[in-house]
């Protein structure tokens, strides 16, 4: 069975996030990347962190030209890391920047110093950051992270959810 346009986009996002490694110039290696929907419980264990979750929400049609449907999806991406450091807000900002950098690096050129690729390798028209939030918990096991909301614009053949243009 063919992948829908949204599945193709999410797979590319997931592949880019999995490239967050020390070998690619980041300060840490991602242990786990999980595609999940918003209401599923996060089940990250200590050995899974640093971990990333991401999910789509709100796929809307914003226009049409001839036989082309112009659509937007919102993709939320979050990252969790654990620390006993007292400056969790600063750490949340730093760790969150890894997401934004990785999203804009092609899977074939994943180094932090590589050229940017903001159209997911040609799959989408644009992927724009809409919201960035630091995440901090100071419970018994402190963790920090960040959550991002991206607006992704893409095109399909009108009436065909599988064919990206």
Protein backbone atom coordinates (compact mmCIF):
# COMPACT_ATOMS: atom_id res chain seq x y z
CA UNK A 1 0.00 0.00 0.00
CA UNK A 2 1.27 3.47 -0.86
CA UNK A 3 2.00 6.04 1.81
CA UNK A 4 -0.22 9.10 2.01
CA UNK A 5 1.31 12.53 1.50
CA UNK A 6 1.18 13.18 5.26
CA UNK A 7 2.89 9.84 6.00
CA UNK A 8 5.66 10.69 3.53
CA UNK A 9 6.17 14.08 5.19
CA UNK A 10 6.20 12.58 8.70
CA UNK A 11 8.66 9.87 7.67
CA UNK A 12 11.06 12.52 6.38
CA UNK A 13 10.72 14.54 9.58
CA UNK A 14 11.39 11.42 11.66
CA UNK A 15 14.46 10.54 9.60
CA UNK A 16 15.86 14.04 10.07
CA UNK A 17 15.29 13.95 13.82
CA UNK A 18 17.07 10.59 14.08
CA UNK A 19 20.18 12.32 12.71
CA UNK A 20 20.68 14.23 15.97
CA UNK A 21 23.95 12.58 16.97
CA UNK A 22 27.33 13.61 18.30
CA UNK A 23 28.85 12.35 15.04
CA UNK A 24 26.75 14.93 13.16
CA UNK A 25 27.95 17.79 15.39
CA UNK A 26 25.23 17.90 18.04
CA UNK A 27 26.00 17.87 21.78
CA UNK A 28 24.18 14.57 22.37
CA UNK A 29 22.80 11.45 20.71
CA UNK A 30 19.04 11.01 20.45
CA UNK A 31 18.10 7.66 21.95
CA UNK A 32 14.48 7.42 20.82
CA UNK A 33 12.27 9.11 18.21
CA UNK A 34 8.56 8.31 18.50
CA UNK A 35 5.73 9.26 16.16
CA UNK A 36 2.70 9.51 18.42
CA UNK A 37 -0.63 11.23 18.59
CA UNK A 38 -1.31 13.91 21.21
CA UNK A 39 -3.50 11.90 23.54
CA UNK A 40 -1.26 8.85 23.79
CA UNK A 41 0.71 8.76 27.01
CA UNK A 42 4.42 9.34 26.79
CA UNK A 43 6.19 6.24 28.02
CA UNK A 44 9.79 7.37 28.02
CA UNK A 45 11.98 5.61 30.55
CA UNK A 46 15.27 7.01 31.86
CA UNK A 47 17.20 4.85 29.37
CA UNK A 48 15.14 6.33 26.50
CA UNK A 49 16.18 9.92 27.16
CA UNK A 50 17.04 12.09 25.30
CA UNK A 51 13.88 11.35 23.39
CA UNK A 52 11.80 13.08 20.74
CA UNK A 53 8.09 12.75 20.00
CA UNK A 54 6.24 14.22 17.06
CA UNK A 55 2.74 14.13 15.67
CA UNK A 56 0.52 15.82 13.07
CA UNK A 57 -2.65 17.70 13.77
CA UNK A 58 -5.00 19.70 11.65
CA UNK A 59 -4.57 18.89 7.96
CA UNK A 60 -6.47 21.60 6.06
CA UNK A 61 -6.93 22.61 2.46
CA UNK A 62 -5.96 26.26 2.03
CA UNK A 63 -6.42 26.59 -1.70
CA UNK A 64 -6.48 25.01 -5.12
CA UNK A 65 -5.06 25.83 -8.52
CA UNK A 66 -6.25 23.85 -11.52
CA UNK A 67 -5.78 20.21 -10.46
CA UNK A 68 -3.55 20.96 -7.45
CA UNK A 69 -4.70 21.08 -3.82
CA UNK A 70 -2.63 23.30 -1.52
CA UNK A 71 -2.73 21.95 2.03
CA UNK A 72 -1.27 22.69 5.46
CA UNK A 73 -0.62 20.43 8.39
CA UNK A 74 0.54 21.38 11.84
CA UNK A 75 3.35 19.20 13.17
CA UNK A 76 4.25 19.29 16.86
CA UNK A 77 7.73 18.13 17.86
CA UNK A 78 8.96 17.78 21.42
CA UNK A 79 12.25 16.77 22.99
CA UNK A 80 12.95 15.55 26.53
CA UNK A 81 16.27 15.40 28.34
CA UNK A 82 17.13 14.70 31.98
CA UNK A 83 19.46 16.69 34.22
CA UNK A 84 20.18 17.71 37.77
CA UNK A 85 21.42 21.09 36.60
CA UNK A 86 19.75 24.10 38.16
CA UNK A 87 19.63 26.14 34.93
CA UNK A 88 16.91 24.05 33.28
CA UNK A 89 15.43 26.94 31.30
CA UNK A 90 18.78 27.63 29.61
CA UNK A 91 19.24 23.91 28.94
CA UNK A 92 15.73 23.71 27.46
CA UNK A 93 16.62 26.49 25.03
CA UNK A 94 19.87 24.80 24.00
CA UNK A 95 18.42 21.33 23.54
CA UNK A 96 15.47 22.75 21.62
CA UNK A 97 17.77 24.37 19.09
CA UNK A 98 18.90 20.88 18.02
CA UNK A 99 15.37 20.15 16.78
CA UNK A 100 15.21 23.28 14.67
CA UNK A 101 18.64 22.65 13.16
CA UNK A 102 18.00 18.95 12.44
CA UNK A 103 14.64 19.66 10.78
CA UNK A 104 16.46 21.89 8.30
CA UNK A 105 19.20 19.38 7.36
CA UNK A 106 18.71 16.77 4.64
CA UNK A 107 19.08 13.12 5.59
CA UNK A 108 21.85 12.92 2.98
CA UNK A 109 23.66 15.93 4.54
CA UNK A 110 22.81 15.78 8.28
CA UNK A 111 25.77 17.64 9.76
CA UNK A 112 24.99 20.80 11.71
CA UNK A 113 27.37 22.61 9.36
CA UNK A 114 25.69 21.32 6.17
CA UNK A 115 23.51 23.58 4.03
CA UNK A 116 19.91 24.00 5.09
CA UNK A 117 17.03 22.19 3.43
CA UNK A 118 13.80 23.80 4.58
CA UNK A 119 11.49 22.11 2.07
CA UNK A 120 12.09 18.56 3.37
CA UNK A 121 14.01 17.60 0.26
CA UNK A 122 11.35 18.98 -2.07
CA UNK A 123 8.41 17.19 -0.42
CA UNK A 124 6.83 20.41 0.83
CA UNK A 125 6.58 24.07 -0.17
CA UNK A 126 7.59 25.29 3.28
CA UNK A 127 8.00 24.29 6.91
CA UNK A 128 7.77 27.34 9.15
CA UNK A 129 8.22 27.52 12.91
CA UNK A 130 5.00 28.82 14.45
CA UNK A 131 5.60 28.26 18.19
CA UNK A 132 8.48 27.31 20.48
CA UNK A 133 8.03 26.53 24.18
CA UNK A 134 10.64 25.52 26.76
CA UNK A 135 9.52 22.54 28.85
CA UNK A 136 10.80 22.11 32.41
CA UNK A 137 9.90 19.79 35.29
CA UNK A 138 11.56 19.99 38.67
CA UNK A 139 10.05 16.85 40.14
CA UNK A 140 12.15 14.09 41.74
CA UNK A 141 13.80 13.41 38.37
CA UNK A 142 14.22 16.82 36.74
CA UNK A 143 13.87 16.95 32.99
CA UNK A 144 13.87 19.71 30.45
CA UNK A 145 13.15 20.08 26.79
CA UNK A 146 11.25 22.07 24.25
CA UNK A 147 8.15 21.81 22.13
CA UNK A 148 7.81 23.19 18.63
CA UNK A 149 4.86 23.72 16.35
CA UNK A 150 5.58 23.87 12.63
CA UNK A 151 3.17 24.80 9.86
CA UNK A 152 3.92 22.64 6.83
CA UNK A 153 2.51 23.63 3.44
CA UNK A 154 2.41 21.00 0.71
CA UNK A 155 0.66 20.24 -2.56
CA UNK A 156 -1.12 17.15 -3.83
CA UNK A 157 -3.04 16.24 -6.91
CA UNK A 158 -6.61 17.38 -6.17
CA UNK A 159 -8.55 14.44 -4.70
CA UNK A 160 -5.43 12.25 -4.39
CA UNK A 161 -4.01 12.01 -0.85
CA UNK A 162 -1.01 9.98 -2.00
CA UNK A 163 0.68 12.04 -4.69
CA UNK A 164 2.83 14.96 -3.54
CA UNK A 165 3.67 17.59 -6.14
